[in-house]
Amino acid sequence: MIPSTPRFSRRQFLATSAACSTLGVAAPLTSRADGISGRYAKLRKPGLLGDVRTEVKIVDKKIFTEGPAVNARGIVYFTNVPAEKILAWDSARKKLSVFRTGSNKANGLLFDPRGRLLACEGGAGRVTRTDMTSGRVTVLADKFNGFPLAAPNDLALLASGSLYFTSRPGNPDPTKGNPNAVYFLDLAARNPGGRILHRVLEWKSVHMPNGIVSSPDDKELYLIEAHPDADHNRLIYAYQLGTDDCWKAPRTVIDFAPGRSGDGMCIDAEGNLYVAAGLHKTRKTSETLDTQPGIHVISPQGHLLDFAETPVDTITNCAFGGKDLRTLYVTCGPYLLSIRTKIPGKSAYRPRL
């Protein structure tokens, strides 16, 4: 059974956020020596990941797949960002359909416990929630400090109703717009003034926030830093939620530099991270090929437990699904892939019917 999530008063939250904002601690740069290139040879088989299989290949004029999320019936929703489409894959019937066109370049997706679809609409600079029965779309966040949000990228929802999402690329000049950042929104709030959006991390305390996920007990929040430029972070941070120094003293789980960092990730029932990272070919950035392209299973302590190579660039994200939550769906170039896993995803990934 998953332990109950600790709830924090709004006063406690604001005090912690204010302290972090006031300090303005810059993100520490960690060792850049070897990345993880030396860890692959030490892996033992069989591991936690099965074979990589192709579910479906997308055919379109522009293709960049992202953001898989699986509903209670096992349908996989994922995005083709430049084509502005949200696609739906029925693995049982082997049928691909278009759920939404004009998706505002939606990126990360997530189903809440009631089966509503949350989406990071990067092109519109907003986070939305869709009632899958009525089709009604509710805008949850679209501005901060009087400026539109930089493109929301990925999101994590805790059992308490706490929503965290990443937003980038932003404007480093706060007088002209919002920077790269991580935001918090309490979806359980019922205050008369409506829900209040809080910025808990911003440039330079984070460099390029990307994938985000909470631990099975919701006590830690994991964040991927994925900046392509030299001398910037390409790693995973862990933030201990509810502690006084939560946002100013993250723990570094793993450092991918000088290779390509993770993009998106999900987490299993035992707290291991499944991270989409790496490249087959360089792409005119300072990222090297030290990070191999595929799914990396990483323990909470930062150990590489397993790896499954994916066929083409660019691997972007992954999500647990299947009747037993032991099928990992992966977006990669024009493909939606699947990998059977030894450990199921955390139970929060199963929306109610």
Protein backbone atom coordinates (compact mmCIF):
# COMPACT_ATOMS: atom_id res chain seq x y z
CA MET A 1 0.00 0.00 0.00
CA ILE A 2 1.28 3.45 -0.86
CA PRO A 3 1.73 5.59 2.28
CA SER A 4 -0.57 8.57 2.57
CA THR A 5 0.86 11.74 1.10
CA PRO A 6 1.82 14.40 3.65
CA ARG A 7 -0.20 17.57 3.18
CA PHE A 8 1.40 20.92 3.76
CA SER A 9 -0.43 24.03 4.76
CA ARG A 10 -0.45 26.91 2.32
CA ARG A 11 1.50 28.92 4.92
CA GLN A 12 4.20 26.23 5.09
CA PHE A 13 4.39 26.02 1.31
CA LEU A 14 4.60 29.76 0.79
CA ALA A 15 7.24 30.09 3.48
CA THR A 16 9.39 27.45 1.84
CA SER A 17 8.91 28.91 -1.64
CA ALA A 18 9.65 32.43 -0.44
CA ALA A 19 12.85 31.31 1.25
CA CYS A 20 14.05 29.59 -1.90
CA SER A 21 13.10 32.52 -4.08
CA THR A 22 14.87 34.97 -1.81
CA LEU A 23 18.05 32.93 -1.70
CA GLY A 24 18.15 32.52 -5.48
CA VAL A 25 20.61 29.65 -5.21
CA ALA A 26 22.17 28.82 -8.56
CA ALA A 27 22.18 25.20 -9.68
CA PRO A 28 25.52 23.59 -8.78
CA LEU A 29 27.55 22.16 -11.62
CA THR A 30 28.63 18.60 -10.91
CA SER A 31 31.57 16.56 -12.22
CA ARG A 32 31.70 16.35 -16.00
CA ALA A 33 34.37 13.65 -16.32
CA ASP A 34 32.86 10.54 -17.86
CA GLY A 35 29.08 10.75 -17.76
CA ILE A 36 27.63 7.25 -17.65
CA SER A 37 29.51 5.72 -20.59
CA GLY A 38 31.36 3.26 -18.37
CA ARG A 39 28.26 1.84 -16.71
CA TYR A 40 26.68 -0.03 -19.61
CA ALA A 41 29.27 -2.83 -19.71
CA LYS A 42 28.60 -3.64 -16.05
CA LEU A 43 24.91 -4.46 -16.59
CA ARG A 44 23.80 -8.05 -16.18
CA LYS A 45 21.17 -9.88 -18.21
CA PRO A 46 18.39 -10.73 -17.82
CA GLY A 47 17.52 -7.43 -16.25
CA LEU A 48 14.38 -5.43 -15.60
CA LEU A 49 13.54 -4.74 -19.25
CA GLY A 50 12.31 -7.09 -21.96
CA ASP A 51 12.66 -6.74 -25.72
CA VAL A 52 11.88 -3.50 -27.53
CA ARG A 53 8.88 -3.90 -29.83
CA THR A 54 7.30 -1.55 -32.36
CA GLU A 55 3.65 -0.79 -31.66
CA VAL A 56 3.05 1.60 -34.55
CA LYS A 57 4.93 3.91 -36.91
CA ILE A 58 3.56 7.40 -37.42
CA VAL A 59 3.26 8.75 -40.95
CA ASP A 60 2.87 12.51 -41.27
CA LYS A 61 4.50 15.54 -42.88
CA LYS A 62 6.21 16.48 -39.62
CA ILE A 63 6.92 14.05 -36.81
CA PHE A 64 8.24 14.47 -33.29
CA THR A 65 6.45 12.14 -30.89
CA GLU A 66 6.18 12.89 -27.18
CA GLY A 67 4.21 12.63 -23.97
CA PRO A 68 2.67 9.12 -23.73
CA ALA A 69 -0.05 8.55 -21.14
CA VAL A 70 -2.31 5.51 -20.75
CA ASN A 71 -5.97 5.66 -19.71
CA ALA A 72 -7.86 3.11 -17.61
CA ARG A 73 -8.90 1.16 -20.71
CA GLY A 74 -5.32 0.79 -21.87
CA ILE A 75 -5.47 3.32 -24.72
CA VAL A 76 -2.15 5.08 -25.19
CA TYR A 77 -2.39 8.82 -25.88
CA PHE A 78 0.71 10.56 -27.19
CA THR A 79 1.56 13.69 -29.12
CA ASN A 80 3.02 14.59 -32.49
CA VAL A 81 4.21 18.02 -31.47
CA PRO A 82 4.92 19.81 -34.81
CA ALA A 83 1.80 18.35 -36.44
CA GLU A 84 -0.24 19.63 -33.48
CA LYS A 85 -1.97 16.31 -32.92
CA ILE A 86 -2.78 14.11 -29.95
CA LEU A 87 -2.91 10.51 -31.14
CA ALA A 88 -4.56 7.47 -29.55
CA TRP A 89 -3.27 3.91 -29.92
CA ASP A 90 -5.47 0.91 -29.10
CA SER A 91 -2.90 -1.84 -28.62
CA ALA A 92 -5.52 -4.60 -28.39
CA ARG A 93 -7.14 -3.68 -31.72
CA LYS A 94 -3.91 -2.37 -33.27
CA LYS A 95 -5.72 0.79 -34.24
CA LEU A 96 -4.29 4.31 -34.40
CA SER A 97 -6.62 7.31 -34.36
CA VAL A 98 -6.39 11.08 -33.96
CA PHE A 99 -7.86 12.23 -30.67
CA ARG A 100 -7.29 15.93 -31.26
CA THR A 101 -6.05 18.22 -33.99
CA GLY A 102 -4.97 21.79 -33.31
CA SER A 103 -3.42 20.61 -30.04
CA ASN A 104 -1.34 23.78 -29.57
CA LYS A 105 1.84 21.72 -29.88
CA ALA A 106 0.92 19.66 -26.84
CA ASN A 107 3.91 17.89 -25.30
CA GLY A 108 3.65 16.05 -21.97
CA LEU A 109 0.36 14.32 -21.12
CA LEU A 110 -0.95 12.76 -17.92
CA PHE A 111 -4.24 11.25 -16.75
CA ASP A 112 -5.53 12.28 -13.34
CA PRO A 113 -7.23 9.76 -11.01
CA ARG A 114 -10.64 10.64 -12.48
CA GLY A 115 -9.48 9.87 -16.00
CA ARG A 116 -9.22 13.46 -17.18
CA LEU A 117 -6.37 14.27 -19.56
CA LEU A 118 -3.85 16.92 -18.46
CA ALA A 119 -1.77 18.42 -21.26
CA CYS A 120 1.20 20.76 -21.53
CA GLU A 121 0.24 22.88 -24.54
CA GLY A 122 3.59 24.42 -25.41
CA GLY A 123 2.35 26.38 -28.39
CA ALA A 124 -0.30 28.16 -26.33
CA GLY A 125 1.81 28.46 -23.17
CA ARG A 126 -0.77 26.75 -21.00
CA VAL A 127 -1.65 23.62 -19.05
CA THR A 128 -5.13 22.22 -19.67
CA ARG A 129 -7.42 19.48 -18.41
CA THR A 130 -9.87 17.68 -20.69
CA ASP A 131 -12.96 15.89 -19.43
CA MET A 132 -12.90 12.78 -21.60
CA THR A 133 -16.67 12.31 -21.35
CA SER A 134 -17.90 15.82 -22.13
CA GLY A 135 -14.86 17.05 -24.06
CA ARG A 136 -14.75 20.19 -21.93
CA VAL A 137 -11.29 21.79 -21.75
CA THR A 138 -10.32 23.70 -18.61
CA VAL A 139 -7.27 25.96 -18.58
CA LEU A 140 -5.36 25.30 -15.35
CA ALA A 141 -2.47 27.74 -15.89
CA ASP A 142 -1.44 30.12 -18.66
CA LYS A 143 0.37 33.11 -17.11
CA PHE A 144 2.56 34.16 -14.20
CA ASN A 145 3.56 37.65 -13.02
CA GLY A 146 1.55 39.15 -15.86
CA PHE A 147 3.47 37.29 -18.58
CA PRO A 148 2.48 34.22 -20.59
CA LEU A 149 4.14 31.02 -19.47
CA ALA A 150 7.13 29.75 -21.39
CA ALA A 151 6.12 26.51 -23.10
CA PRO A 152 4.93 23.98 -20.49
CA ASN A 153 6.79 20.74 -21.11
CA ASP A 154 5.96 17.96 -18.64
CA LEU A 155 3.98 17.46 -15.46
CA ALA A 156 3.57 15.39 -12.31
CA LEU A 157 0.44 15.03 -10.18
CA LEU A 158 0.57 13.95 -6.52
CA ALA A 159 -2.20 12.12 -4.68
CA SER A 160 -2.81 15.28 -2.63
CA GLY A 161 -3.77 17.19 -5.78
CA SER A 162 -0.44 19.01 -6.01
CA LEU A 163 0.47 19.59 -9.64
CA TYR A 164 4.05 20.38 -10.67
CA PHE A 165 5.02 21.24 -14.24
CA THR A 166 8.13 22.35 -16.12
CA SER A 167 8.22 25.33 -18.46
CA ARG A 168 10.91 26.19 -21.02
CA PRO A 169 12.59 27.68 -23.00
CA GLY A 170 11.98 30.96 -21.23
CA ASN A 171 13.23 34.53 -21.14
CA PRO A 172 16.21 35.14 -18.80
CA ASP A 173 15.13 38.79 -18.42
CA PRO A 174 12.31 38.86 -15.82
CA THR A 175 11.17 42.26 -17.09
CA LYS A 176 10.33 40.75 -20.46
CA GLY A 177 8.89 37.35 -19.66
CA ASN A 178 9.00 34.21 -17.58
CA PRO A 179 12.23 32.19 -17.39
CA ASN A 180 12.88 28.45 -17.45
CA ALA A 181 10.99 27.29 -14.39
CA VAL A 182 9.06 24.72 -12.39
CA TYR A 183 5.59 25.66 -11.15
CA PHE A 184 3.24 24.36 -8.46
CA LEU A 185 -0.56 24.43 -8.52
CA ASP A 186 -2.77 22.97 -5.79
CA LEU A 187 -5.66 21.39 -7.69
CA ALA A 188 -7.33 20.43 -4.39
CA ALA A 189 -7.62 24.08 -3.30
CA ARG A 190 -11.11 25.45 -2.86
CA ASN A 191 -10.25 29.01 -1.84
CA PRO A 192 -12.60 31.78 -3.05
CA GLY A 193 -9.93 33.47 -5.14
CA GLY A 194 -9.26 30.35 -7.16
CA ARG A 195 -6.10 28.32 -7.41
CA ILE A 196 -2.85 30.27 -7.11
CA LEU A 197 0.11 29.39 -9.31
CA HIS A 198 3.50 29.36 -7.55
CA ARG A 199 6.95 29.29 -9.13
CA VAL A 200 9.15 27.04 -7.00
CA LEU A 201 12.27 26.90 -9.21
CA GLU A 202 13.60 29.23 -11.88
CA TRP A 203 16.71 30.07 -13.89
CA LYS A 204 19.48 29.88 -12.56
CA SER A 205 18.49 27.53 -9.78
CA VAL A 206 17.58 25.24 -12.68
CA HIS A 207 18.99 25.41 -16.18
CA MET A 208 16.61 23.54 -18.51
CA PRO A 209 13.90 21.63 -16.59
CA ASN A 210 12.32 18.81 -18.54
CA GLY A 211 10.79 15.52 -17.34
CA ILE A 212 9.28 15.46 -13.84
CA VAL A 213 7.81 12.69 -11.68
CA SER A 214 7.09 11.98 -8.01
CA SER A 215 8.15 8.92 -6.01
CA PRO A 216 5.51 6.24 -5.26
CA ASP A 217 4.96 7.73 -1.78
CA ASP A 218 5.02 11.31 -3.15
CA LYS A 219 7.79 12.27 -0.73
CA GLU A 220 10.36 13.06 -3.43
CA LEU A 221 10.05 14.96 -6.67
CA TYR A 222 12.46 14.01 -9.46
CA LEU A 223 13.42 16.56 -12.11
CA ILE A 224 15.44 16.12 -15.29
CA GLU A 225 17.81 18.94 -16.26
CA ALA A 226 18.49 18.75 -20.00
CA HIS A 227 20.42 21.77 -21.24
CA PRO A 228 22.23 21.11 -24.54
CA ASP A 229 24.87 23.81 -24.07
CA ALA A 230 28.27 23.23 -22.49
CA ASP A 231 28.71 24.01 -18.78
CA HIS A 232 25.01 23.54 -18.07
CA ASN A 233 23.24 20.77 -16.20
CA ARG A 234 22.31 17.42 -17.75
CA LEU A 235 21.25 15.42 -14.73
CA ILE A 236 18.40 14.32 -12.48
CA TYR A 237 17.70 16.15 -9.24
CA ALA A 238 15.65 14.78 -6.33
CA TYR A 239 13.79 17.24 -4.09
CA GLN A 240 12.63 16.11 -0.64
CA LEU A 241 9.11 17.53 -0.49
CA GLY A 242 7.97 19.04 2.78
CA THR A 243 11.43 19.89 4.11
CA ASP A 244 12.49 23.45 4.86
CA ASP A 245 15.33 23.42 2.34
CA CYS A 246 13.47 21.42 -0.30
CA TRP A 247 14.08 23.68 -3.28
CA LYS A 248 17.55 24.96 -2.39
CA ALA A 249 19.24 21.65 -1.54
CA PRO A 250 18.40 19.01 -4.19
CA ARG A 251 20.14 15.67 -4.31
CA THR A 252 21.84 14.75 -7.59
CA VAL A 253 20.67 11.27 -8.58
CA ILE A 254 22.71 10.85 -11.76
CA ASP A 255 24.70 13.07 -14.13
CA PHE A 256 24.52 12.33 -17.86
CA ALA A 257 27.00 14.98 -19.04
CA PRO A 258 28.77 15.18 -21.42
CA GLY A 259 26.15 12.98 -23.16
CA ARG A 260 22.55 13.88 -23.83
CA SER A 261 20.50 14.02 -20.66
CA GLY A 262 17.12 12.50 -20.07
CA ASP A 263 14.04 13.95 -21.70
CA GLY A 264 10.97 12.37 -20.10
CA MET A 265 10.66 9.66 -17.47
CA CYS A 266 8.28 7.57 -15.38
CA ILE A 267 8.70 5.53 -12.20
CA ASP A 268 7.95 1.99 -11.07
CA ALA A 269 6.31 0.73 -7.89
CA GLU A 270 9.70 0.28 -6.20
CA GLY A 271 10.85 3.83 -6.96
CA ASN A 272 13.15 3.15 -9.92
CA LEU A 273 13.22 5.76 -12.69
CA TYR A 274 12.73 4.83 -16.37
CA VAL A 275 14.46 7.60 -18.29
CA ALA A 276 14.41 8.30 -22.03
CA ALA A 277 17.93 9.56 -22.80
CA GLY A 278 20.80 9.50 -25.28
CA LEU A 279 21.48 9.90 -28.99
CA HIS A 280 22.51 7.78 -31.98
CA LYS A 281 24.04 10.80 -33.71
CA THR A 282 25.22 14.21 -32.52
CA ARG A 283 22.92 17.13 -33.29
CA LYS A 284 24.98 20.34 -33.46
CA THR A 285 25.12 20.79 -29.68
CA SER A 286 27.82 20.07 -27.13
CA GLU A 287 26.10 16.76 -26.29
CA THR A 288 28.31 13.73 -26.93
CA LEU A 289 27.33 10.11 -27.55
CA ASP A 290 28.45 9.01 -24.07
CA THR A 291 24.80 8.47 -23.17
CA GLN A 292 23.52 5.60 -25.29
CA PRO A 293 20.05 6.06 -26.84
CA GLY A 294 17.30 4.21 -25.03
CA ILE A 295 15.50 3.56 -21.77
CA HIS A 296 17.70 3.77 -18.67
CA VAL A 297 16.44 2.20 -15.45
CA ILE A 298 17.97 4.14 -12.58
CA SER A 299 17.58 3.40 -8.87
CA PRO A 300 16.74 6.17 -6.39
CA GLN A 301 20.41 6.02 -5.36
CA GLY A 302 21.55 6.71 -8.93
CA HIS A 303 22.64 3.21 -9.97
CA LEU A 304 22.07 2.19 -13.59
CA LEU A 305 20.07 -1.05 -13.22
CA ASP A 306 19.23 -1.79 -16.85
CA PHE A 307 19.21 -0.35 -20.34
CA ALA A 308 17.29 -1.05 -23.55
CA GLU A 309 18.48 0.57 -26.76
CA THR A 310 15.87 2.19 -28.99
CA PRO A 311 16.21 2.13 -32.80
CA VAL A 312 16.30 5.76 -33.95
CA ASP A 313 16.60 9.35 -32.78
CA THR A 314 15.05 10.96 -30.94
CA ILE A 315 13.81 9.05 -27.90
CA THR A 316 11.69 11.42 -25.83
CA ASN A 317 9.44 9.91 -23.18
CA CYS A 318 7.79 6.83 -21.66
CA ALA A 319 4.76 5.73 -19.64
CA PHE A 320 3.55 2.57 -17.91
CA GLY A 321 0.39 0.82 -19.09
CA GLY A 322 -1.10 -2.60 -19.74
CA LYS A 323 -3.46 -4.58 -17.49
CA ASP A 324 -0.63 -5.27 -15.04
CA LEU A 325 1.15 -1.91 -15.47
CA ARG A 326 4.15 -3.84 -16.77
CA THR A 327 4.17 -2.51 -20.33
CA LEU A 328 6.35 0.53 -20.89
CA TYR A 329 5.28 2.63 -23.86
CA VAL A 330 8.04 4.73 -25.41
CA THR A 331 7.91 7.61 -27.90
CA CYS A 332 10.93 7.56 -30.20
CA GLY A 333 11.22 9.37 -33.54
CA PRO A 334 8.26 8.23 -35.68
CA TYR A 335 7.59 5.21 -33.46
CA LEU A 336 5.52 4.25 -30.48
CA LEU A 337 7.45 1.37 -28.93
CA SER A 338 6.71 -1.00 -26.06
CA ILE A 339 8.88 -2.88 -23.56
CA ARG A 340 7.68 -5.41 -21.00
CA THR A 341 9.07 -4.73 -17.52
CA LYS A 342 9.76 -6.94 -14.52
CA ILE A 343 8.42 -4.37 -12.05
CA PRO A 344 5.05 -2.63 -12.59
CA GLY A 345 4.64 1.11 -12.68
CA LYS A 346 3.49 2.92 -9.55
CA SER A 347 -0.20 2.39 -8.86
CA ALA A 348 -1.01 6.09 -9.32
CA TYR A 349 -0.57 5.55 -13.07
CA ARG A 350 -3.87 3.62 -13.13
CA PRO A 351 -6.80 6.07 -13.53
CA ARG A 352 -10.22 4.99 -12.38
CA LEU A 353 -12.76 3.86 -14.98
